[in-house]
Amino acid sequence: MAKKRISRARKRDLANPDEFITFWTKLSNFAAENKVKALCALGFFMVLIVVTAGFLYFLKKSEDTAFALLQQNITKYQTLLKDTGPEKACLGVEKDFQSIIEKYSGRAGGKHARLIYANICYTAKDYDEAIELYKKSLEDFNDEPFIKNLIINSLGYSYTVKKDYKTAAKYFEMIASIPNYSIKDEALFNLGEIYNAMGDNVKSIDAFKKILSDHTGSIYTEIAQEKLAGRIQS
């Protein structure tokens, strides 16, 4: 059976949904104030946006009950997030998401619910639960390279915040090895930071150099130059 592929137009729809204009405005303002941290977090935010937008797309194309329930729970979560913060919001929708995941585990709605809930857990700093859900989602989306790679990226971020740098590096290396992938520069930047935290200055320098040599138009170029300036002895 031929693998499903996501068209370029589909990817643009996923990456730029009208529903998230306000979110992008807030993220841009944050990036202007705190550039490095914003860039490091960009991969995770992209996963949240892509997956949620993907869910909205499928909802419009399907009358599946699982997606209708998922819509309700997303709305509930967004309200709780605004009123109570990420930790309490996560607890507030935990049973709702688990119900969808268990009842519709073999259907698209259940798979999307698992991945969205993984992002919710990450936002709530429940990294162990997020990692477990992300790993299961890798199996769910094994035939969807675009989403699968974003999940791998999220696993890299999850292990980074747990300071399990060796495992985090493994996932970012997977992303960095994909030919012509749009977020390779982000993965290289994260690898540069992770290798430095591990005390491997040589690999850290190599990662930042690859950004300069292979991704000249990258938003990470200026930061990579600053990092190298402080680490390479003349």
C-alpha atoms as a PDB file:
ATOM      1  CA  MET A   1       0.000   0.000   0.000  1.00  0.00           C
ATOM      2  CA  ALA A   2       1.378   3.399  -0.972  1.00  0.00           C
ATOM      3  CA  LYS A   3       2.313   5.703   1.889  1.00  0.00           C
ATOM      4  CA  LYS A   4       0.227   8.785   2.434  1.00  0.00           C
ATOM      5  CA  ARG A   5       1.994  11.998   1.560  1.00  0.00           C
ATOM      6  CA  ILE A   6       1.245  15.552   2.588  1.00  0.00           C
ATOM      7  CA  SER A   7       1.311  18.007  -0.308  1.00  0.00           C
ATOM      8  CA  ARG A   8       3.191  21.316  -0.178  1.00  0.00           C
ATOM      9  CA  ALA A   9      -0.143  23.141  -0.144  1.00  0.00           C
ATOM     10  CA  ARG A  10      -1.317  20.966   2.744  1.00  0.00           C
ATOM     11  CA  LYS A  11       1.835  21.774   4.721  1.00  0.00           C
ATOM     12  CA  ARG A  12       1.270  25.484   4.167  1.00  0.00           C
ATOM     13  CA  ASP A  13      -2.303  25.107   5.445  1.00  0.00           C
ATOM     14  CA  LEU A  14      -1.052  23.296   8.531  1.00  0.00           C
ATOM     15  CA  ALA A  15       1.684  25.799   9.279  1.00  0.00           C
ATOM     16  CA  ASN A  16      -0.398  28.946   8.803  1.00  0.00           C
ATOM     17  CA  PRO A  17      -3.968  28.436  10.087  1.00  0.00           C
ATOM     18  CA  ASP A  18      -6.096  31.533  10.590  1.00  0.00           C
ATOM     19  CA  GLU A  19      -7.077  30.228  14.023  1.00  0.00           C
ATOM     20  CA  PHE A  20      -3.578  30.890  15.336  1.00  0.00           C
ATOM     21  CA  ILE A  21      -2.924  34.484  14.179  1.00  0.00           C
ATOM     22  CA  THR A  22      -3.209  35.743  17.741  1.00  0.00           C
ATOM     23  CA  PHE A  23      -0.842  33.053  18.953  1.00  0.00           C
ATOM     24  CA  TRP A  24       1.787  33.968  16.371  1.00  0.00           C
ATOM     25  CA  THR A  25       1.527  37.634  17.330  1.00  0.00           C
ATOM     26  CA  LYS A  26       2.240  36.787  20.967  1.00  0.00           C
ATOM     27  CA  LEU A  27       5.078  34.442  19.990  1.00  0.00           C
ATOM     28  CA  SER A  28       6.676  37.111  17.794  1.00  0.00           C
ATOM     29  CA  ASN A  29       6.560  39.626  20.632  1.00  0.00           C
ATOM     30  CA  PHE A  30       8.152  37.119  22.968  1.00  0.00           C
ATOM     31  CA  ALA A  31      10.858  36.342  20.417  1.00  0.00           C
ATOM     32  CA  ALA A  32      11.723  40.015  20.120  1.00  0.00           C
ATOM     33  CA  GLU A  33      12.173  40.226  23.887  1.00  0.00           C
ATOM     34  CA  ASN A  34      13.998  36.942  24.430  1.00  0.00           C
ATOM     35  CA  LYS A  35      15.466  35.769  21.144  1.00  0.00           C
ATOM     36  CA  VAL A  36      17.501  32.725  22.151  1.00  0.00           C
ATOM     37  CA  LYS A  37      14.864  31.110  24.364  1.00  0.00           C
ATOM     38  CA  ALA A  38      12.188  31.756  21.774  1.00  0.00           C
ATOM     39  CA  LEU A  39      14.214  30.091  19.060  1.00  0.00           C
ATOM     40  CA  CYS A  40      14.932  27.071  21.227  1.00  0.00           C
ATOM     41  CA  ALA A  41      11.220  26.636  21.918  1.00  0.00           C
ATOM     42  CA  LEU A  42      10.102  27.204  18.333  1.00  0.00           C
ATOM     43  CA  GLY A  43      10.132  23.523  17.412  1.00  0.00           C
ATOM     44  CA  PHE A  44       7.767  22.555  20.179  1.00  0.00           C
ATOM     45  CA  PHE A  45       5.367  25.395  19.399  1.00  0.00           C
ATOM     46  CA  MET A  46       5.369  24.341  15.747  1.00  0.00           C
ATOM     47  CA  VAL A  47       4.307  20.840  16.740  1.00  0.00           C
ATOM     48  CA  LEU A  48       1.438  22.185  18.804  1.00  0.00           C
ATOM     49  CA  ILE A  49       0.279  24.436  15.962  1.00  0.00           C
ATOM     50  CA  VAL A  50       0.672  21.825  13.222  1.00  0.00           C
ATOM     51  CA  VAL A  51      -1.044  19.053  15.104  1.00  0.00           C
ATOM     52  CA  THR A  52      -3.929  21.216  16.306  1.00  0.00           C
ATOM     53  CA  ALA A  53      -4.368  22.734  12.848  1.00  0.00           C
ATOM     54  CA  GLY A  54      -4.226  19.253  11.367  1.00  0.00           C
ATOM     55  CA  PHE A  55      -6.981  18.191  13.709  1.00  0.00           C
ATOM     56  CA  LEU A  56      -9.121  21.163  12.661  1.00  0.00           C
ATOM     57  CA  TYR A  57      -8.569  20.261   9.010  1.00  0.00           C
ATOM     58  CA  PHE A  58      -9.681  16.668   9.501  1.00  0.00           C
ATOM     59  CA  LEU A  59     -12.623  17.797  11.600  1.00  0.00           C
ATOM     60  CA  LYS A  60     -13.970  19.780   8.660  1.00  0.00           C
ATOM     61  CA  LYS A  61     -13.613  16.728   6.411  1.00  0.00           C
ATOM     62  CA  SER A  62     -15.106  14.167   8.745  1.00  0.00           C
ATOM     63  CA  GLU A  63     -18.156  13.544  10.910  1.00  0.00           C
ATOM     64  CA  ASP A  64     -16.201  11.184  13.106  1.00  0.00           C
ATOM     65  CA  THR A  65     -17.446  11.374  16.691  1.00  0.00           C
ATOM     66  CA  ALA A  66     -13.893  11.232  18.016  1.00  0.00           C
ATOM     67  CA  PHE A  67     -13.001  14.482  16.268  1.00  0.00           C
ATOM     68  CA  ALA A  68     -16.162  16.161  17.518  1.00  0.00           C
ATOM     69  CA  LEU A  69     -15.244  15.184  21.084  1.00  0.00           C
ATOM     70  CA  LEU A  70     -11.693  16.311  20.488  1.00  0.00           C
ATOM     71  CA  GLN A  71     -12.954  19.715  19.345  1.00  0.00           C
ATOM     72  CA  GLN A  72     -14.899  20.061  22.587  1.00  0.00           C
ATOM     73  CA  ASN A  73     -11.895  19.107  24.697  1.00  0.00           C
ATOM     74  CA  ILE A  74      -9.553  21.462  22.849  1.00  0.00           C
ATOM     75  CA  THR A  75     -11.991  24.295  23.534  1.00  0.00           C
ATOM     76  CA  LYS A  76     -12.246  23.249  27.172  1.00  0.00           C
ATOM     77  CA  TYR A  77      -8.463  23.142  27.486  1.00  0.00           C
ATOM     78  CA  GLN A  78      -8.002  26.568  25.930  1.00  0.00           C
ATOM     79  CA  THR A  79     -10.498  28.041  28.404  1.00  0.00           C
ATOM     80  CA  LEU A  80      -8.853  26.339  31.386  1.00  0.00           C
ATOM     81  CA  LEU A  81      -5.420  27.358  30.165  1.00  0.00           C
ATOM     82  CA  LYS A  82      -6.435  30.987  30.115  1.00  0.00           C
ATOM     83  CA  ASP A  83      -8.156  30.851  33.504  1.00  0.00           C
ATOM     84  CA  THR A  84      -5.970  28.487  35.533  1.00  0.00           C
ATOM     85  CA  GLY A  85      -2.608  27.985  33.788  1.00  0.00           C
ATOM     86  CA  PRO A  86      -1.059  24.953  32.038  1.00  0.00           C
ATOM     87  CA  GLU A  87      -0.726  22.583  35.003  1.00  0.00           C
ATOM     88  CA  LYS A  88      -4.345  22.829  36.184  1.00  0.00           C
ATOM     89  CA  ALA A  89      -5.616  22.933  32.605  1.00  0.00           C
ATOM     90  CA  CYS A  90      -3.830  19.670  31.909  1.00  0.00           C
ATOM     91  CA  LEU A  91      -5.425  18.031  34.943  1.00  0.00           C
ATOM     92  CA  GLY A  92      -8.781  19.443  33.932  1.00  0.00           C
ATOM     93  CA  VAL A  93      -8.820  17.655  30.576  1.00  0.00           C
ATOM     94  CA  GLU A  94      -6.830  14.542  31.475  1.00  0.00           C
ATOM     95  CA  LYS A  95      -9.823  12.206  31.812  1.00  0.00           C
ATOM     96  CA  ASP A  96     -11.465  13.639  28.694  1.00  0.00           C
ATOM     97  CA  PHE A  97      -8.423  13.022  26.522  1.00  0.00           C
ATOM     98  CA  GLN A  98      -7.736   9.609  28.023  1.00  0.00           C
ATOM     99  CA  SER A  99     -11.313   8.608  27.233  1.00  0.00           C
ATOM    100  CA  ILE A 100     -10.915   9.536  23.561  1.00  0.00           C
ATOM    101  CA  ILE A 101      -7.493   7.884  23.343  1.00  0.00           C
ATOM    102  CA  GLU A 102      -8.782   4.632  24.830  1.00  0.00           C
ATOM    103  CA  LYS A 103     -12.115   4.509  23.022  1.00  0.00           C
ATOM    104  CA  TYR A 104     -10.785   5.527  19.606  1.00  0.00           C
ATOM    105  CA  SER A 105      -7.197   4.257  19.846  1.00  0.00           C
ATOM    106  CA  GLY A 106      -7.259   2.679  16.392  1.00  0.00           C
ATOM    107  CA  ARG A 107      -8.859   5.622  14.622  1.00  0.00           C
ATOM    108  CA  ALA A 108      -7.490   8.944  13.453  1.00  0.00           C
ATOM    109  CA  GLY A 109      -9.331  10.860  16.152  1.00  0.00           C
ATOM    110  CA  GLY A 110      -7.716   8.837  18.913  1.00  0.00           C
ATOM    111  CA  LYS A 111      -4.267   9.201  17.395  1.00  0.00           C
ATOM    112  CA  HIS A 112      -4.598  12.959  17.095  1.00  0.00           C
ATOM    113  CA  ALA A 113      -5.950  13.120  20.644  1.00  0.00           C
ATOM    114  CA  ARG A 114      -2.851  11.319  21.916  1.00  0.00           C
ATOM    115  CA  LEU A 115      -0.484  13.693  20.165  1.00  0.00           C
ATOM    116  CA  ILE A 116      -2.339  16.826  21.201  1.00  0.00           C
ATOM    117  CA  TYR A 117      -2.462  15.590  24.792  1.00  0.00           C
ATOM    118  CA  ALA A 118       1.288  14.930  24.633  1.00  0.00           C
ATOM    119  CA  ASN A 119       1.777  18.613  23.833  1.00  0.00           C
ATOM    120  CA  ILE A 120      -0.558  19.578  26.658  1.00  0.00           C
ATOM    121  CA  CYS A 121       1.481  17.453  29.077  1.00  0.00           C
ATOM    122  CA  TYR A 122       4.695  19.060  27.837  1.00  0.00           C
ATOM    123  CA  THR A 123       3.257  22.528  28.427  1.00  0.00           C
ATOM    124  CA  ALA A 124       2.254  21.414  31.938  1.00  0.00           C
ATOM    125  CA  LYS A 125       5.865  20.249  32.536  1.00  0.00           C
ATOM    126  CA  ASP A 126       4.783  16.618  32.870  1.00  0.00           C
ATOM    127  CA  TYR A 127       7.680  15.587  30.660  1.00  0.00           C
ATOM    128  CA  ASP A 128       7.650  11.877  31.469  1.00  0.00           C
ATOM    129  CA  GLU A 129       4.014  11.549  30.399  1.00  0.00           C
ATOM    130  CA  ALA A 130       4.667  13.672  27.307  1.00  0.00           C
ATOM    131  CA  ILE A 131       7.581  11.443  26.304  1.00  0.00           C
ATOM    132  CA  GLU A 132       5.516   8.277  26.707  1.00  0.00           C
ATOM    133  CA  LEU A 133       2.738   9.739  24.563  1.00  0.00           C
ATOM    134  CA  TYR A 134       5.150  11.050  21.926  1.00  0.00           C
ATOM    135  CA  LYS A 135       6.733   7.616  21.575  1.00  0.00           C
ATOM    136  CA  LYS A 136       3.336   6.007  21.034  1.00  0.00           C
ATOM    137  CA  SER A 137       2.520   8.750  18.535  1.00  0.00           C
ATOM    138  CA  LEU A 138       5.634   7.841  16.559  1.00  0.00           C
ATOM    139  CA  GLU A 139       3.983   4.510  15.854  1.00  0.00           C
ATOM    140  CA  ASP A 140       0.643   6.169  15.074  1.00  0.00           C
ATOM    141  CA  PHE A 141       2.190   8.518  12.499  1.00  0.00           C
ATOM    142  CA  ASN A 142       4.933   6.267  11.160  1.00  0.00           C
ATOM    143  CA  ASP A 143       3.541   6.650   7.618  1.00  0.00           C
ATOM    144  CA  GLU A 144       3.274  10.456   7.876  1.00  0.00           C
ATOM    145  CA  PRO A 145       6.897  11.693   7.600  1.00  0.00           C
ATOM    146  CA  PHE A 146       6.028  15.357   8.105  1.00  0.00           C
ATOM    147  CA  ILE A 147       4.260  14.806  11.449  1.00  0.00           C
ATOM    148  CA  LYS A 148       6.592  11.985  12.473  1.00  0.00           C
ATOM    149  CA  ASN A 149       9.628  14.248  12.205  1.00  0.00           C
ATOM    150  CA  LEU A 150       7.936  16.924  14.281  1.00  0.00           C
ATOM    151  CA  ILE A 151       7.275  14.326  16.969  1.00  0.00           C
ATOM    152  CA  ILE A 152      10.952  13.345  16.909  1.00  0.00           C
ATOM    153  CA  ASN A 153      11.807  17.009  17.322  1.00  0.00           C
ATOM    154  CA  SER A 154       9.467  17.237  20.308  1.00  0.00           C
ATOM    155  CA  LEU A 155      11.129  14.228  21.903  1.00  0.00           C
ATOM    156  CA  GLY A 156      14.436  16.047  21.546  1.00  0.00           C
ATOM    157  CA  TYR A 157      13.032  19.040  23.416  1.00  0.00           C
ATOM    158  CA  SER A 158      11.431  16.828  26.070  1.00  0.00           C
ATOM    159  CA  TYR A 159      14.683  15.068  26.895  1.00  0.00           C
ATOM    160  CA  THR A 160      16.548  18.376  26.815  1.00  0.00           C
ATOM    161  CA  VAL A 161      14.403  19.899  29.560  1.00  0.00           C
ATOM    162  CA  LYS A 162      14.953  16.703  31.586  1.00  0.00           C
ATOM    163  CA  LYS A 163      18.703  17.264  31.058  1.00  0.00           C
ATOM    164  CA  ASP A 164      19.035  13.818  29.496  1.00  0.00           C
ATOM    165  CA  TYR A 165      21.327  15.343  26.901  1.00  0.00           C
ATOM    166  CA  LYS A 166      22.563  12.072  25.433  1.00  0.00           C
ATOM    167  CA  THR A 167      19.044  10.963  24.508  1.00  0.00           C
ATOM    168  CA  ALA A 168      18.067  14.453  23.368  1.00  0.00           C
ATOM    169  CA  ALA A 169      21.070  14.554  21.054  1.00  0.00           C
ATOM    170  CA  LYS A 170      19.997  11.235  19.516  1.00  0.00           C
ATOM    171  CA  TYR A 171      16.657  12.687  18.438  1.00  0.00           C
ATOM    172  CA  PHE A 172      18.046  15.983  17.166  1.00  0.00           C
ATOM    173  CA  GLU A 173      20.702  14.060  15.231  1.00  0.00           C
ATOM    174  CA  MET A 174      17.894  12.175  13.511  1.00  0.00           C
ATOM    175  CA  ILE A 175      16.367  15.483  12.405  1.00  0.00           C
ATOM    176  CA  ALA A 176      19.729  16.917  11.352  1.00  0.00           C
ATOM    177  CA  SER A 177      20.372  13.880   9.144  1.00  0.00           C
ATOM    178  CA  ILE A 178      17.214  14.336   7.023  1.00  0.00           C
ATOM    179  CA  PRO A 179      18.175  15.767   3.601  1.00  0.00           C
ATOM    180  CA  ASN A 180      16.722  19.209   2.812  1.00  0.00           C
ATOM    181  CA  TYR A 181      14.497  19.232   5.895  1.00  0.00           C
ATOM    182  CA  SER A 182      13.176  22.664   6.815  1.00  0.00           C
ATOM    183  CA  ILE A 183      14.156  22.565  10.499  1.00  0.00           C
ATOM    184  CA  LYS A 184      17.633  21.072  10.164  1.00  0.00           C
ATOM    185  CA  ASP A 185      19.153  24.392  11.205  1.00  0.00           C
ATOM    186  CA  GLU A 186      17.072  24.355  14.385  1.00  0.00           C
ATOM    187  CA  ALA A 187      18.213  20.805  15.144  1.00  0.00           C
ATOM    188  CA  LEU A 188      21.854  21.807  14.584  1.00  0.00           C
ATOM    189  CA  PHE A 189      21.458  24.783  16.907  1.00  0.00           C
ATOM    190  CA  ASN A 190      20.009  22.536  19.608  1.00  0.00           C
ATOM    191  CA  LEU A 191      22.818  20.041  19.070  1.00  0.00           C
ATOM    192  CA  GLY A 192      25.362  22.812  19.457  1.00  0.00           C
ATOM    193  CA  GLU A 193      23.840  23.766  22.801  1.00  0.00           C
ATOM    194  CA  ILE A 194      23.457  20.159  23.953  1.00  0.00           C
ATOM    195  CA  TYR A 195      27.010  19.150  23.038  1.00  0.00           C
ATOM    196  CA  ASN A 196      28.257  22.189  24.925  1.00  0.00           C
ATOM    197  CA  ALA A 197      26.224  21.160  27.994  1.00  0.00           C
ATOM    198  CA  MET A 198      27.788  17.690  27.685  1.00  0.00           C
ATOM    199  CA  GLY A 199      31.268  19.231  27.591  1.00  0.00           C
ATOM    200  CA  ASP A 200      31.944  18.188  23.984  1.00  0.00           C
ATOM    201  CA  ASN A 201      33.262  21.477  22.629  1.00  0.00           C
ATOM    202  CA  VAL A 202      34.398  19.961  19.311  1.00  0.00           C
ATOM    203  CA  LYS A 203      30.953  18.634  18.380  1.00  0.00           C
ATOM    204  CA  SER A 204      29.362  21.853  19.602  1.00  0.00           C
ATOM    205  CA  ILE A 205      31.565  23.949  17.319  1.00  0.00           C
ATOM    206  CA  ASP A 206      30.940  21.606  14.382  1.00  0.00           C
ATOM    207  CA  ALA A 207      27.164  21.922  14.802  1.00  0.00           C
ATOM    208  CA  PHE A 208      27.283  25.736  14.803  1.00  0.00           C
ATOM    209  CA  LYS A 209      29.655  25.740  11.825  1.00  0.00           C
ATOM    210  CA  LYS A 210      27.208  23.619   9.826  1.00  0.00           C
ATOM    211  CA  ILE A 211      24.542  26.251  10.357  1.00  0.00           C
ATOM    212  CA  LEU A 212      26.841  28.871   8.830  1.00  0.00           C
ATOM    213  CA  SER A 213      28.008  26.675   5.954  1.00  0.00           C
ATOM    214  CA  ASP A 214      24.791  24.850   5.048  1.00  0.00           C
ATOM    215  CA  HIS A 215      22.038  27.253   6.148  1.00  0.00           C
ATOM    216  CA  THR A 216      23.177  30.749   5.228  1.00  0.00           C
ATOM    217  CA  GLY A 217      19.682  32.240   5.429  1.00  0.00           C
ATOM    218  CA  SER A 218      18.842  30.672   8.777  1.00  0.00           C
ATOM    219  CA  ILE A 219      17.414  32.688  11.653  1.00  0.00           C
ATOM    220  CA  TYR A 220      20.053  30.935  13.761  1.00  0.00           C
ATOM    221  CA  THR A 221      22.988  32.302  11.764  1.00  0.00           C
ATOM    222  CA  GLU A 222      23.648  35.350  13.920  1.00  0.00           C
ATOM    223  CA  ILE A 223      23.408  33.392  17.171  1.00  0.00           C
ATOM    224  CA  ALA A 224      25.674  30.644  15.796  1.00  0.00           C
ATOM    225  CA  GLN A 225      28.260  33.280  14.910  1.00  0.00           C
ATOM    226  CA  GLU A 226      28.103  34.664  18.449  1.00  0.00           C
ATOM    227  CA  LYS A 227      28.463  31.193  19.929  1.00  0.00           C
ATOM    228  CA  LEU A 228      31.471  30.412  17.743  1.00  0.00           C
ATOM    229  CA  ALA A 229      33.102  33.737  18.489  1.00  0.00           C
ATOM    230  CA  GLY A 230      33.187  32.823  22.146  1.00  0.00           C
ATOM    231  CA  ARG A 231      34.432  29.261  21.695  1.00  0.00           C
ATOM    232  CA  ILE A 232      36.962  29.244  18.858  1.00  0.00           C
ATOM    233  CA  GLN A 233      40.410  30.375  19.880  1.00  0.00           C
ATOM    234  CA  SER A 234      42.312  32.287  17.205  1.00  0.00           C
END
